[in-house]
N, C-alpha and C. Protein backbone atom coordinates (compact mmCIF):
# COMPACT_ATOMS: atom_id res chain seq x y z
N MET A 1 8.49 -3.74 10.23
CA MET A 1 8.09 -2.99 11.22
C MET A 1 8.03 -3.49 12.37
N PHE A 2 7.21 -4.45 12.44
CA PHE A 2 6.78 -5.17 13.29
C PHE A 2 6.14 -6.55 13.25
N THR A 3 5.91 -7.38 13.88
CA THR A 3 5.52 -8.68 13.83
C THR A 3 4.23 -8.88 14.88
N MET A 4 3.30 -10.18 14.61
CA MET A 4 2.09 -9.96 14.91
C MET A 4 1.87 -11.93 15.25
N SER A 5 1.15 -12.42 16.12
CA SER A 5 0.66 -13.52 16.01
C SER A 5 0.32 -14.24 15.02
N PRO A 6 0.40 -15.71 14.44
CA PRO A 6 -0.65 -16.24 13.39
C PRO A 6 -1.90 -15.54 13.31
N ALA A 7 -2.86 -16.13 14.71
CA ALA A 7 -4.01 -15.38 14.76
C ALA A 7 -4.66 -13.81 14.49
N THR A 8 -3.82 -13.18 15.07
CA THR A 8 -3.85 -11.75 14.71
C THR A 8 -3.70 -11.21 13.00
N GLU A 9 -2.55 -12.00 12.55
CA GLU A 9 -2.53 -11.86 11.28
C GLU A 9 -3.57 -12.22 10.36
N LYS A 10 -4.31 -13.39 10.75
CA LYS A 10 -5.71 -13.78 10.06
C LYS A 10 -6.65 -12.53 10.50
N PHE A 11 -6.67 -12.06 11.38
CA PHE A 11 -7.97 -11.26 11.60
C PHE A 11 -7.42 -9.71 10.76
N PHE A 12 -6.28 -9.30 10.73
CA PHE A 12 -5.91 -8.33 9.81
C PHE A 12 -6.08 -8.50 8.52
N TYR A 13 -6.13 -10.00 7.95
CA TYR A 13 -6.28 -10.09 6.85
C TYR A 13 -7.83 -10.02 6.54
N VAL A 14 -8.78 -10.48 7.46
CA VAL A 14 -10.08 -10.33 7.23
C VAL A 14 -10.64 -8.66 7.05
N LEU A 15 -9.55 -7.96 7.82
CA LEU A 15 -10.11 -6.41 8.05
C LEU A 15 -9.54 -5.91 6.74
N THR A 16 -8.06 -6.47 6.07
CA THR A 16 -8.26 -6.05 4.80
C THR A 16 -9.04 -6.30 3.87
N TRP A 17 -9.85 -7.50 3.54
CA TRP A 17 -10.91 -7.78 2.88
C TRP A 17 -12.01 -6.80 3.11
N LEU A 18 -12.47 -6.48 4.53
CA LEU A 18 -13.58 -5.56 4.52
C LEU A 18 -13.62 -4.19 4.30
N PHE A 19 -12.34 -3.85 4.46
CA PHE A 19 -11.90 -2.36 3.92
C PHE A 19 -11.47 -1.92 2.70
N GLN A 20 -10.85 -2.86 1.97
CA GLN A 20 -10.55 -2.76 0.37
C GLN A 20 -11.77 -3.21 -0.22
N GLY A 21 -12.47 -3.87 0.22
CA GLY A 21 -13.67 -4.61 -0.49
C GLY A 21 -13.12 -4.85 -1.84
N SER A 22 -13.64 -4.27 -3.01
CA SER A 22 -13.77 -4.70 -4.32
C SER A 22 -12.36 -4.52 -4.96
N SER A 23 -11.53 -3.50 -4.28
CA SER A 23 -10.18 -3.06 -4.74
C SER A 23 -8.99 -3.96 -3.66
N TYR A 24 -9.13 -5.26 -3.10
CA TYR A 24 -8.65 -5.72 -2.24
C TYR A 24 -7.23 -6.36 -2.86
N LEU A 25 -6.12 -6.04 -2.18
CA LEU A 25 -4.82 -6.34 -2.74
C LEU A 25 -4.15 -7.54 -1.79
N SER A 26 -3.80 -8.32 -2.02
CA SER A 26 -3.12 -9.47 -1.32
C SER A 26 -1.87 -9.00 -0.62
N PRO A 27 -2.05 -9.43 0.70
CA PRO A 27 -1.09 -8.71 1.67
C PRO A 27 0.37 -9.47 1.05
N ARG A 28 0.20 -10.59 0.78
CA ARG A 28 1.47 -11.58 0.62
C ARG A 28 2.07 -10.73 -1.02
N ALA A 29 1.26 -10.73 -1.83
CA ALA A 29 1.79 -10.14 -3.24
C ALA A 29 2.17 -8.66 -2.88
N TYR A 30 1.43 -7.78 -2.28
CA TYR A 30 1.62 -6.32 -2.54
C TYR A 30 3.02 -6.52 -1.39
N GLY A 31 3.28 -7.11 -0.41
CA GLY A 31 4.15 -7.00 0.59
C GLY A 31 5.56 -7.29 -0.27
N ILE A 32 5.37 -8.34 -1.12
CA ILE A 32 6.59 -8.76 -2.01
C ILE A 32 6.76 -7.38 -3.21
N LEU A 33 5.68 -6.91 -3.50
CA LEU A 33 5.51 -6.08 -4.57
C LEU A 33 6.56 -4.81 -3.80
N HIS A 34 5.98 -4.50 -2.63
CA HIS A 34 6.65 -3.00 -2.15
C HIS A 34 8.17 -3.23 -1.86
N ARG A 35 8.74 -4.56 -1.33
CA ARG A 35 9.99 -4.86 -0.94
C ARG A 35 10.49 -4.63 -2.44
N MET A 36 10.23 -5.28 -3.03
CA MET A 36 10.78 -5.12 -4.80
C MET A 36 11.06 -3.77 -4.96
N HIS A 37 10.05 -2.79 -4.72
CA HIS A 37 10.06 -1.44 -5.04
C HIS A 37 11.26 -0.68 -4.44
N HIS A 38 11.46 -1.09 -3.25
CA HIS A 38 12.52 -0.52 -2.29
C HIS A 38 13.94 -0.79 -2.85
N ALA A 39 13.98 -2.08 -3.28
CA ALA A 39 15.49 -2.52 -3.67
C ALA A 39 15.61 -2.06 -5.08
N PHE A 40 14.57 -1.95 -5.85
CA PHE A 40 14.94 -1.31 -7.14
C PHE A 40 14.34 0.04 -7.62
N ALA A 41 14.14 0.57 -6.45
CA ALA A 41 13.70 1.75 -6.58
C ALA A 41 14.02 2.77 -8.12
N ASP A 42 13.48 3.31 -9.08
CA ASP A 42 13.59 3.80 -10.22
C ASP A 42 14.66 3.33 -10.88
N THR A 43 14.50 2.28 -10.79
CA THR A 43 15.28 1.33 -12.00
C THR A 43 14.59 0.51 -12.85
N GLU A 44 14.94 -0.28 -14.09
CA GLU A 44 14.19 -1.31 -14.82
C GLU A 44 13.39 -2.18 -13.81
N LYS A 45 13.82 -2.57 -12.84
CA LYS A 45 13.31 -3.80 -12.47
C LYS A 45 12.20 -3.39 -11.16
N ASP A 46 12.33 -1.78 -11.02
CA ASP A 46 11.30 -1.43 -10.20
C ASP A 46 9.70 -1.66 -10.57
N PRO A 47 8.90 -1.89 -9.99
CA PRO A 47 7.92 -2.53 -10.41
C PRO A 47 6.57 -1.63 -10.83
N HIS A 48 6.93 -0.12 -9.99
CA HIS A 48 6.26 0.97 -10.40
C HIS A 48 7.01 2.47 -10.35
N SER A 49 7.72 2.58 -11.41
CA SER A 49 8.56 3.92 -11.55
C SER A 49 7.92 4.68 -12.49
N PRO A 50 7.61 6.01 -12.13
CA PRO A 50 7.44 7.11 -13.23
C PRO A 50 8.30 6.94 -14.07
N LEU A 51 9.89 6.74 -13.97
CA LEU A 51 11.00 6.95 -14.80
C LEU A 51 11.03 6.03 -15.78
N PHE A 52 10.35 4.68 -15.77
CA PHE A 52 10.10 3.87 -17.16
C PHE A 52 8.73 3.70 -17.27
N SER A 53 7.71 4.46 -17.20
CA SER A 53 6.48 4.41 -17.75
C SER A 53 6.13 5.88 -18.53
N LYS A 54 5.20 5.71 -19.53
CA LYS A 54 4.86 6.74 -20.25
C LYS A 54 3.95 7.86 -19.56
N ASN A 55 3.34 7.21 -19.00
CA ASN A 55 2.31 8.16 -17.95
C ASN A 55 1.79 7.19 -16.99
N LEU A 56 0.71 7.95 -16.03
CA LEU A 56 0.20 7.25 -14.97
C LEU A 56 -0.52 5.89 -15.32
N PHE A 57 -1.37 5.96 -16.17
CA PHE A 57 -2.03 4.67 -16.58
C PHE A 57 -0.88 3.78 -16.70
N ASP A 58 -0.29 3.74 -17.67
CA ASP A 58 1.04 2.95 -18.08
C ASP A 58 1.74 2.29 -16.83
N MET A 59 1.88 3.20 -15.75
CA MET A 59 2.32 2.61 -14.64
C MET A 59 1.63 1.69 -13.73
N MET A 60 0.23 2.30 -13.67
CA MET A 60 -0.50 1.22 -13.14
C MET A 60 -0.79 -0.06 -13.65
N TRP A 61 -0.76 -0.30 -15.00
CA TRP A 61 -0.95 -1.40 -15.56
C TRP A 61 0.06 -2.34 -15.81
N LYS A 62 1.36 -1.74 -15.91
CA LYS A 62 2.40 -2.47 -15.50
C LYS A 62 2.58 -3.08 -14.12
N THR A 63 1.92 -2.34 -12.90
CA THR A 63 2.06 -2.78 -11.77
C THR A 63 1.06 -3.83 -11.78
N LYS A 64 -0.05 -3.82 -12.25
CA LYS A 64 -1.15 -4.75 -12.28
C LYS A 64 -0.45 -6.12 -12.83
N ILE A 65 0.17 -6.05 -13.59
CA ILE A 65 0.81 -7.13 -14.63
C ILE A 65 1.59 -8.04 -13.44
N ILE A 66 2.68 -7.07 -13.14
CA ILE A 66 3.69 -7.57 -11.92
C ILE A 66 3.00 -8.22 -10.67
N TYR A 67 1.84 -7.75 -10.19
CA TYR A 67 1.46 -8.02 -8.93
C TYR A 67 0.67 -9.29 -9.30
N SER A 68 -0.11 -9.30 -10.34
CA SER A 68 -1.03 -10.28 -11.01
C SER A 68 0.11 -11.85 -10.90
N ASP A 69 1.32 -11.72 -11.55
CA ASP A 69 2.11 -12.53 -12.00
C ASP A 69 2.62 -12.99 -10.33
N ILE A 70 2.88 -12.22 -9.37
CA ILE A 70 3.55 -12.42 -8.38
C ILE A 70 2.45 -13.42 -7.52
N ASN A 71 1.19 -12.81 -7.80
CA ASN A 71 0.14 -13.51 -7.11
C ASN A 71 -0.58 -14.97 -7.41
N SER A 72 -0.07 -15.05 -8.70
CA SER A 72 -0.30 -16.14 -9.49
C SER A 72 0.83 -17.25 -8.99
N GLY A 73 1.98 -16.80 -8.77
CA GLY A 73 3.10 -17.80 -8.79
C GLY A 73 4.12 -17.74 -9.77
N LYS A 74 3.34 -16.94 -11.06
CA LYS A 74 4.09 -16.87 -12.28
C LYS A 74 5.63 -16.28 -12.20
N ALA A 75 5.61 -15.23 -11.40
CA ALA A 75 6.96 -14.53 -11.14
C ALA A 75 8.21 -15.27 -10.33
N ASN A 76 9.35 -15.16 -11.03
CA ASN A 76 10.51 -15.65 -10.53
C ASN A 76 10.86 -14.80 -9.39
N VAL A 77 10.49 -14.70 -8.19
CA VAL A 77 10.84 -13.79 -7.08
C VAL A 77 12.05 -14.19 -6.09
N GLU A 78 12.80 -13.36 -5.75
CA GLU A 78 14.07 -13.76 -4.93
C GLU A 78 13.74 -14.02 -3.54
N GLU A 79 14.09 -14.88 -2.56
CA GLU A 79 13.98 -15.29 -1.59
C GLU A 79 13.77 -14.36 -0.49
N ARG A 80 14.84 -13.19 -0.67
CA ARG A 80 15.01 -12.07 0.28
C ARG A 80 13.32 -11.38 0.16
N PHE A 81 12.78 -11.29 -0.70
CA PHE A 81 11.33 -10.69 -0.98
C PHE A 81 10.17 -11.45 -0.28
N THR A 82 10.36 -12.77 -0.24
CA THR A 82 9.18 -13.61 0.04
C THR A 82 9.33 -13.85 1.74
N LYS A 83 10.77 -13.78 2.05
CA LYS A 83 10.95 -14.33 3.44
C LYS A 83 10.03 -13.40 4.54
N ASN A 84 9.12 -14.21 5.36
CA ASN A 84 8.40 -13.66 6.32
C ASN A 84 7.13 -12.73 5.99
N VAL A 85 6.81 -12.94 4.92
CA VAL A 85 5.69 -12.14 4.22
C VAL A 85 4.34 -13.27 4.52
N PRO A 86 3.40 -12.62 5.27
CA PRO A 86 2.22 -13.02 5.60
C PRO A 86 1.71 -14.01 4.29
N ASN A 87 0.84 -15.06 4.77
CA ASN A 87 0.15 -15.67 3.73
C ASN A 87 -1.09 -16.68 3.83
N TRP A 88 -2.24 -16.50 3.80
CA TRP A 88 -3.17 -17.24 4.20
C TRP A 88 -3.77 -17.68 2.65
N PRO A 89 -3.34 -18.75 2.33
CA PRO A 89 -4.08 -19.18 0.55
C PRO A 89 -5.41 -19.02 0.58
N TRP A 90 -5.99 -19.47 1.39
CA TRP A 90 -7.57 -19.63 1.34
C TRP A 90 -8.37 -18.67 1.30
N MET A 91 -7.69 -17.36 2.03
CA MET A 91 -8.31 -15.92 2.06
C MET A 91 -7.66 -15.37 0.97
N GLU A 92 -6.86 -15.54 0.44
CA GLU A 92 -6.00 -14.82 -0.66
C GLU A 92 -6.96 -15.04 -2.10
N TRP A 93 -7.42 -16.79 -2.07
CA TRP A 93 -8.20 -17.28 -2.99
C TRP A 93 -9.92 -16.29 -3.02
N PHE A 94 -10.46 -16.25 -1.45
CA PHE A 94 -11.73 -15.88 -1.74
C PHE A 94 -11.65 -14.72 -1.83
N ALA A 95 -11.08 -13.62 -1.44
CA ALA A 95 -10.66 -12.19 -1.18
C ALA A 95 -10.61 -11.65 -2.75
N ASP A 96 -9.81 -12.37 -3.32
CA ASP A 96 -9.25 -12.04 -4.75
C ASP A 96 -10.33 -12.56 -5.51
N SER A 97 -11.45 -13.31 -5.56
CA SER A 97 -12.36 -14.02 -6.58
C SER A 97 -13.19 -12.70 -7.16
N TRP A 98 -13.66 -12.94 -8.53
CA TRP A 98 -14.47 -12.14 -8.87
C TRP A 98 -15.46 -12.24 -7.91
N GLY A 99 -16.26 -13.22 -7.44
CA GLY A 99 -17.56 -13.35 -6.98
C GLY A 99 -17.51 -12.48 -5.70
N SER A 100 -16.09 -12.09 -4.84
CA SER A 100 -15.87 -11.48 -3.77
C SER A 100 -15.99 -10.06 -4.16
N ARG A 101 -15.48 -9.71 -5.40
CA ARG A 101 -15.38 -8.29 -6.08
C ARG A 101 -16.59 -7.81 -6.30
N LEU A 102 -17.56 -8.73 -7.17
CA LEU A 102 -18.37 -8.09 -7.40
C LEU A 102 -19.91 -8.01 -6.44
N PHE A 103 -19.65 -8.93 -5.35
CA PHE A 103 -20.19 -8.80 -3.98
C PHE A 103 -20.27 -7.30 -3.62
N TRP A 104 -18.83 -6.56 -3.41
CA TRP A 104 -18.65 -5.64 -2.80
C TRP A 104 -19.11 -4.29 -3.98
N VAL A 105 -18.94 -4.39 -5.28
CA VAL A 105 -19.69 -3.68 -5.98
C VAL A 105 -20.91 -3.39 -5.82
N ALA A 106 -21.69 -4.48 -5.70
CA ALA A 106 -23.30 -4.35 -5.67
C ALA A 106 -23.44 -3.67 -4.12
N VAL A 107 -22.63 -3.85 -2.85
CA VAL A 107 -22.85 -3.35 -1.71
C VAL A 107 -22.69 -1.81 -2.01
N TYR A 108 -21.78 -1.33 -2.85
CA TYR A 108 -21.42 0.01 -3.04
C TYR A 108 -22.53 0.54 -3.88
N VAL A 109 -23.17 -0.07 -4.76
CA VAL A 109 -24.08 0.66 -5.51
C VAL A 109 -25.27 0.94 -4.57
N ALA A 110 -25.55 -0.31 -3.71
CA ALA A 110 -26.79 -0.20 -2.92
C ALA A 110 -26.57 0.82 -2.06
N VAL A 111 -25.43 1.36 -1.82
CA VAL A 111 -25.25 2.38 -0.83
C VAL A 111 -25.51 3.59 -1.14
N PHE A 112 -25.14 3.89 -2.52
CA PHE A 112 -25.04 5.12 -3.44
C PHE A 112 -26.65 5.13 -3.78
N VAL A 113 -27.54 4.17 -4.21
CA VAL A 113 -28.81 4.23 -4.36
C VAL A 113 -29.45 4.92 -3.04
N ILE A 114 -28.96 4.35 -1.90
CA ILE A 114 -30.14 4.59 -0.36
C ILE A 114 -29.66 6.06 -0.24
N TYR A 115 -28.32 6.61 -0.54
CA TYR A 115 -27.88 7.95 0.13
C TYR A 115 -27.49 8.88 -0.76
N CYS A 116 -27.14 8.77 -2.02
CA CYS A 116 -26.68 9.85 -3.04
C CYS A 116 -28.02 10.18 -3.54
N HIS A 117 -28.20 11.72 -3.31
CA HIS A 117 -29.46 12.13 -3.77
C HIS A 117 -29.13 13.12 -4.73
N HIS A 118 -28.08 13.08 -5.24
CA HIS A 118 -27.43 14.34 -6.17
C HIS A 118 -26.58 13.59 -7.45
N TRP A 119 -26.98 13.63 -8.67
CA TRP A 119 -26.64 12.85 -9.61
C TRP A 119 -24.92 13.04 -9.50
N TYR A 120 -24.32 14.00 -9.32
CA TYR A 120 -22.90 14.00 -9.58
C TYR A 120 -22.16 13.03 -8.72
N LEU A 121 -22.74 12.80 -7.40
CA LEU A 121 -21.92 12.04 -6.38
C LEU A 121 -21.61 10.76 -6.84
N TRP A 122 -22.47 10.28 -8.11
CA TRP A 122 -22.45 8.90 -8.51
C TRP A 122 -20.72 8.92 -9.36
N PHE A 123 -20.36 9.74 -9.77
CA PHE A 123 -19.04 9.76 -10.01
C PHE A 123 -17.78 9.43 -9.06
N LEU A 124 -18.37 9.55 -7.95
CA LEU A 124 -17.46 8.82 -6.94
C LEU A 124 -17.57 7.16 -6.80
N LEU A 125 -18.56 6.71 -7.23
CA LEU A 125 -18.64 5.25 -7.27
C LEU A 125 -17.58 4.58 -7.88
N PRO A 126 -17.03 5.11 -9.06
CA PRO A 126 -15.73 4.09 -9.68
C PRO A 126 -14.84 3.98 -8.50
N VAL A 127 -14.31 5.26 -8.15
CA VAL A 127 -13.31 5.53 -7.14
C VAL A 127 -13.32 4.62 -5.98
N CYS A 128 -14.52 4.44 -5.62
CA CYS A 128 -14.86 3.51 -4.66
C CYS A 128 -14.42 2.02 -4.77
N ILE A 129 -14.79 1.99 -6.13
CA ILE A 129 -14.65 0.37 -6.50
C ILE A 129 -13.17 0.08 -6.87
N VAL A 130 -12.42 1.07 -6.99
CA VAL A 130 -10.97 0.77 -7.48
C VAL A 130 -9.82 1.69 -6.45
N MET A 131 -10.22 1.84 -5.22
CA MET A 131 -9.62 2.84 -4.33
C MET A 131 -8.39 2.13 -3.94
N SER A 132 -7.86 1.27 -4.02
CA SER A 132 -6.61 0.60 -3.54
C SER A 132 -5.47 1.11 -4.79
N PRO A 133 -6.13 0.77 -6.02
CA PRO A 133 -5.33 1.38 -7.01
C PRO A 133 -4.79 2.59 -7.00
N VAL A 134 -5.95 3.30 -6.94
CA VAL A 134 -6.11 4.80 -6.81
C VAL A 134 -5.02 5.52 -6.00
N HIS A 135 -5.07 4.67 -4.36
CA HIS A 135 -4.35 5.18 -3.16
C HIS A 135 -2.74 5.17 -4.06
N GLY A 136 -2.44 3.63 -4.58
CA GLY A 136 -1.30 3.11 -5.06
C GLY A 136 -0.46 4.27 -6.21
N ALA A 137 -1.72 4.33 -6.85
CA ALA A 137 -1.26 5.48 -7.99
C ALA A 137 -0.62 6.65 -7.55
N ILE A 138 -1.69 7.49 -6.37
CA ILE A 138 -1.24 8.73 -5.83
C ILE A 138 0.29 8.78 -5.38
N ILE A 139 0.72 7.54 -4.74
CA ILE A 139 2.06 7.39 -3.82
C ILE A 139 2.91 7.40 -4.69
N ASN A 140 2.75 6.19 -5.81
CA ASN A 140 3.76 5.75 -6.59
C ASN A 140 3.92 6.58 -7.86
N TRP A 141 3.12 7.30 -8.04
CA TRP A 141 3.49 8.31 -9.13
C TRP A 141 3.93 10.08 -9.07
N TYR A 142 2.84 10.43 -7.91
CA TYR A 142 2.77 11.88 -7.71
C TYR A 142 3.96 11.90 -6.69
N ALA A 143 4.38 10.93 -5.43
CA ALA A 143 5.59 11.18 -4.51
C ALA A 143 6.72 10.71 -5.23
N HIS A 144 6.64 10.56 -6.49
CA HIS A 144 8.05 10.35 -7.34
C HIS A 144 8.14 11.59 -8.11
N LYS A 145 7.21 12.37 -8.42
CA LYS A 145 7.03 13.61 -9.12
C LYS A 145 6.97 15.01 -8.47
N LEU A 146 6.33 14.88 -7.29
CA LEU A 146 6.13 16.22 -6.74
C LEU A 146 6.70 16.41 -5.15
N GLY A 147 6.75 17.36 -4.39
CA GLY A 147 6.69 17.56 -3.09
C GLY A 147 8.27 17.88 -3.06
N TYR A 148 8.76 17.71 -1.56
CA TYR A 148 9.96 17.96 -1.38
C TYR A 148 10.90 16.78 -0.77
N THR A 149 12.10 17.22 -0.42
CA THR A 149 13.10 15.97 0.24
C THR A 149 13.59 16.27 1.56
N ASN A 150 13.66 15.36 2.48
CA ASN A 150 14.41 15.62 3.55
C ASN A 150 15.91 15.06 3.47
N PHE A 151 15.98 13.86 2.11
CA PHE A 151 17.21 13.34 2.26
C PHE A 151 17.30 12.84 0.85
N ASP A 152 18.75 13.02 0.70
CA ASP A 152 19.26 13.01 -0.66
C ASP A 152 19.36 11.39 -0.91
N MET A 153 18.59 10.83 -2.11
CA MET A 153 18.39 9.54 -2.26
C MET A 153 18.80 9.33 -3.81
N ALA A 154 19.03 8.15 -3.92
CA ALA A 154 19.61 7.57 -5.59
C ALA A 154 18.16 7.26 -6.28
N ASP A 155 17.28 7.71 -5.76
CA ASP A 155 15.95 7.39 -6.45
C ASP A 155 15.23 8.91 -6.37
N THR A 156 13.96 9.05 -6.86
CA THR A 156 13.04 10.28 -7.06
C THR A 156 12.31 10.57 -5.94
N SER A 157 12.01 9.60 -5.20
CA SER A 157 11.13 9.57 -3.69
C SER A 157 10.80 11.03 -3.10
N SER A 158 9.85 11.33 -2.89
CA SER A 158 9.77 12.92 -2.37
C SER A 158 8.59 12.63 -1.21
N ASN A 159 8.61 13.82 -0.38
CA ASN A 159 7.59 13.98 0.45
C ASN A 159 6.21 14.75 -0.24
N LEU A 160 5.21 14.07 -0.51
CA LEU A 160 4.13 14.66 -1.24
C LEU A 160 3.51 15.80 -0.42
N LEU A 161 3.22 15.56 0.72
CA LEU A 161 2.72 16.91 1.41
C LEU A 161 3.13 16.95 2.75
N PRO A 162 3.35 18.48 2.83
CA PRO A 162 4.05 18.82 4.24
C PRO A 162 3.24 18.28 5.49
N PHE A 163 1.97 18.24 5.28
CA PHE A 163 1.14 17.87 6.58
C PHE A 163 0.41 16.87 5.95
N ASP A 164 0.55 15.49 6.10
CA ASP A 164 -0.48 14.27 5.54
C ASP A 164 -1.34 14.12 6.16
N PHE A 165 -2.54 15.10 5.90
CA PHE A 165 -4.05 14.73 6.23
C PHE A 165 -4.88 13.75 5.41
N LEU A 166 -3.78 13.53 3.98
CA LEU A 166 -4.62 12.67 3.28
C LEU A 166 -4.61 11.20 3.16
N MET A 167 -3.06 11.04 3.06
CA MET A 167 -2.61 9.57 2.94
C MET A 167 -2.40 8.65 4.33
N TRP A 168 -2.51 9.35 5.26
CA TRP A 168 -2.33 9.13 6.70
C TRP A 168 -0.68 8.51 6.73
N GLY A 169 -0.10 9.68 6.30
CA GLY A 169 1.68 9.24 6.59
C GLY A 169 2.20 8.76 5.34
N GLU A 170 1.71 8.16 4.47
CA GLU A 170 2.16 7.60 3.32
C GLU A 170 2.87 8.24 2.34
N SER A 171 2.43 9.67 2.39
CA SER A 171 2.84 10.50 1.52
C SER A 171 4.01 11.14 1.62
N TYR A 172 4.90 10.79 3.07
CA TYR A 172 6.06 11.15 3.48
C TYR A 172 6.89 10.02 2.70
N HIS A 173 6.86 9.96 1.32
CA HIS A 173 7.44 8.95 0.76
C HIS A 173 9.31 8.90 0.77
N ASN A 174 9.78 10.10 0.70
CA ASN A 174 11.19 10.15 0.79
C ASN A 174 11.59 10.02 2.16
N ASN A 175 10.95 10.31 3.10
CA ASN A 175 11.32 9.54 4.39
C ASN A 175 11.23 7.83 4.52
N HIS A 176 10.30 7.49 4.11
CA HIS A 176 10.05 6.05 3.89
C HIS A 176 10.85 5.09 3.36
N HIS A 177 11.24 6.03 2.20
CA HIS A 177 12.62 5.25 1.04
C HIS A 177 14.04 5.43 1.99
N LYS A 178 14.28 6.40 2.65
CA LYS A 178 15.51 6.52 3.64
C LYS A 178 15.44 5.26 4.54
N MET A 179 14.38 5.17 5.16
CA MET A 179 14.41 4.23 6.47
C MET A 179 13.33 3.45 6.32
N GLY A 180 13.37 2.27 5.64
CA GLY A 180 12.28 1.42 4.86
C GLY A 180 11.57 0.93 5.95
N GLY A 181 12.28 0.57 7.12
CA GLY A 181 11.56 -0.18 8.33
C GLY A 181 11.27 0.71 9.43
N ARG A 182 11.05 1.87 9.22
CA ARG A 182 10.56 2.79 10.53
C ARG A 182 9.03 3.09 10.29
N ALA A 183 8.63 2.81 11.48
CA ALA A 183 7.11 2.56 11.81
C ALA A 183 6.59 3.99 11.61
N ASN A 184 7.33 5.05 11.96
CA ASN A 184 6.90 6.24 12.18
C ASN A 184 7.59 7.16 10.52
N PHE A 185 6.57 7.33 9.92
CA PHE A 185 6.84 7.83 8.32
C PHE A 185 7.04 9.41 8.68
N GLY A 186 6.62 9.93 9.53
CA GLY A 186 6.98 11.61 9.48
C GLY A 186 7.75 11.74 10.51
N GLY A 187 7.79 13.01 11.11
CA GLY A 187 8.59 13.05 12.58
C GLY A 187 10.07 13.49 12.00
N ILE A 188 10.26 13.84 11.18
CA ILE A 188 11.77 14.43 10.43
C ILE A 188 11.88 15.65 10.39
N LYS A 189 10.77 16.65 10.15
CA LYS A 189 10.95 17.98 10.43
C LYS A 189 9.44 18.20 11.27
N TRP A 190 9.19 19.20 11.99
CA TRP A 190 7.97 19.48 12.78
C TRP A 190 6.95 19.50 12.62
N HIS A 191 6.64 19.75 11.03
CA HIS A 191 5.27 19.73 10.63
C HIS A 191 4.60 18.54 9.92
N GLU A 192 5.61 17.34 10.26
CA GLU A 192 5.43 16.06 9.53
C GLU A 192 4.60 15.30 10.62
N PHE A 193 3.54 14.84 10.67
CA PHE A 193 2.74 13.96 11.49
C PHE A 193 2.08 12.59 10.81
N ASP A 194 2.58 11.67 11.33
CA ASP A 194 2.15 10.33 10.64
C ASP A 194 0.64 10.13 11.48
N PRO A 195 -0.25 10.22 10.84
CA PRO A 195 -1.49 9.63 11.77
C PRO A 195 -1.65 8.38 12.41
N MET A 196 -1.01 7.38 11.30
CA MET A 196 -0.91 5.99 11.87
C MET A 196 -0.38 5.44 12.90
N TYR A 197 1.08 6.44 13.26
CA TYR A 197 2.00 6.03 14.07
C TYR A 197 1.75 5.80 15.61
N PRO A 198 0.35 6.78 16.32
CA PRO A 198 -0.23 6.58 17.26
C PRO A 198 -1.09 5.18 17.58
N LEU A 199 -1.54 4.88 16.41
CA LEU A 199 -2.18 3.77 16.38
C LEU A 199 -1.44 2.29 16.79
N ILE A 200 -0.20 2.48 15.89
CA ILE A 200 0.78 1.61 15.96
C ILE A 200 0.97 1.35 17.24
N LEU A 201 1.75 2.53 17.90
CA LEU A 201 2.13 2.31 19.35
C LEU A 201 1.08 1.85 19.91
N LEU A 202 -0.41 2.25 19.93
CA LEU A 202 -1.45 1.37 20.81
C LEU A 202 -1.52 -0.09 20.58
N PHE A 203 -1.36 -0.13 19.45
CA PHE A 203 -1.35 -1.59 19.14
C PHE A 203 -0.27 -2.37 19.43
N ASN A 204 0.95 -1.91 19.68
CA ASN A 204 2.26 -2.60 20.61
C ASN A 204 1.93 -2.46 21.88
N SER A 205 1.55 -1.26 22.53
CA SER A 205 1.19 -1.34 23.96
C SER A 205 0.12 -2.54 24.46
N ILE A 206 -1.00 -2.66 23.70
CA ILE A 206 -1.90 -3.74 24.05
C ILE A 206 -1.44 -5.26 23.24
N HIS A 207 -0.22 -5.51 22.94
CA HIS A 207 0.25 -6.73 22.43
C HIS A 207 -0.31 -7.31 21.35
N LEU A 208 -0.97 -6.48 20.46
CA LEU A 208 -1.55 -6.73 19.37
C LEU A 208 -0.54 -6.95 18.24
N ILE A 209 0.52 -6.13 18.06
CA ILE A 209 1.49 -6.39 17.24
C ILE A 209 3.01 -6.20 18.11
N LYS A 210 3.88 -6.50 17.52
CA LYS A 210 5.22 -6.44 18.47
C LYS A 210 6.30 -5.50 17.59
N LEU A 211 6.37 -4.33 17.83
CA LEU A 211 7.52 -3.34 17.11
C LEU A 211 8.59 -3.79 17.43
N LYS A 212 9.61 -4.00 16.07
CA LYS A 212 11.10 -4.39 16.41
C LYS A 212 11.80 -3.32 16.81
N LYS A 213 12.50 -3.58 17.94
CA LYS A 213 13.44 -2.75 18.43
C LYS A 213 14.31 -1.73 17.26
N ASN A 214 15.06 -2.52 16.53
CA ASN A 214 15.56 -1.68 15.29
C ASN A 214 14.52 -1.51 14.03
N ASN A 215 13.95 -0.67 14.02
CA ASN A 215 12.90 -0.74 12.76
C ASN A 215 13.42 0.13 11.62
N ASP A 216 14.43 0.39 11.54
CA ASP A 216 15.31 1.08 10.42
C ASP A 216 15.69 0.16 9.15
N PHE A 217 15.13 -1.01 9.42
CA PHE A 217 16.17 -1.83 8.14
C PHE A 217 15.52 -1.67 6.67
N ASN A 218 16.35 -2.05 5.74
CA ASN A 218 15.58 -1.98 4.49
C ASN A 218 15.84 -3.29 3.86
N TYR A 219 15.51 -3.25 2.19
CA TYR A 219 15.71 -4.78 1.43
C TYR A 219 16.68 -4.24 0.30
N MET A 220 17.36 -3.08 0.52
CA MET A 220 18.51 -2.77 -0.63
C MET A 220 19.50 -4.03 -0.59
C-alpha cells in the first residue's frame, strides 16, 4: 500500500512494541503470514482459514505454529511473500523475548491494581495480555463466517460490520480481499468508513509514508 524510509520503518517498529506490548507480533512474520493468507485464502495452504479448522481456538493454534515457524526461519517461504517485507532482527529478538512480554504483563497488572476498583474488571486482564491474537481471531474467524459481501470471491471473506467502529476498518474484510493493496478498506458503500484511512492520508501528506499510485495490487 505504501513505503517508508528505513528510519521511519524503525520508528513504527518501536511503536508496534509499545502498543502491542505483551502480545507483540513481528511485522516481518505477520506481513509474510498475511500475504500467504491472501494468496491461499480458504485453501489447505491458508495459515488461518475457518474451513480447515475445527473451531476458533484450533485456528488460532495453527496460526501460532505457522507464525512461529516463519519467525524462527523454520518455514520454507516463497520469495514473493518475503520481498520488501520490513525486518529489524535486533528489535524482533528484543520485542519477541519472554523478558519483554513479562515486563508488559507486569505493567498491565500494576495498572489494574491502581485503577481497577471492581473485581469483575480483572476479567479484562487476559484480554489485554493477548490483545493481538484476539484481534486476529475476530477478523480471521468471524469475518469469514458472518457479515455481508460487496464482491463475489473464491473465498469466504465478508465485511463483518456495516460501520466499523470496532476494528478500525479491518472488518471490511471482503473489500480488502478484493483489493488487497488498497489503503482504504471502506468506501465501497456509503456507510463504510475506514477510520485509519484519513490518518494514512495525513502520514502521506507529511511524507512520513509514501502511498503507491496504484495500490490495488495483491499477491495471488
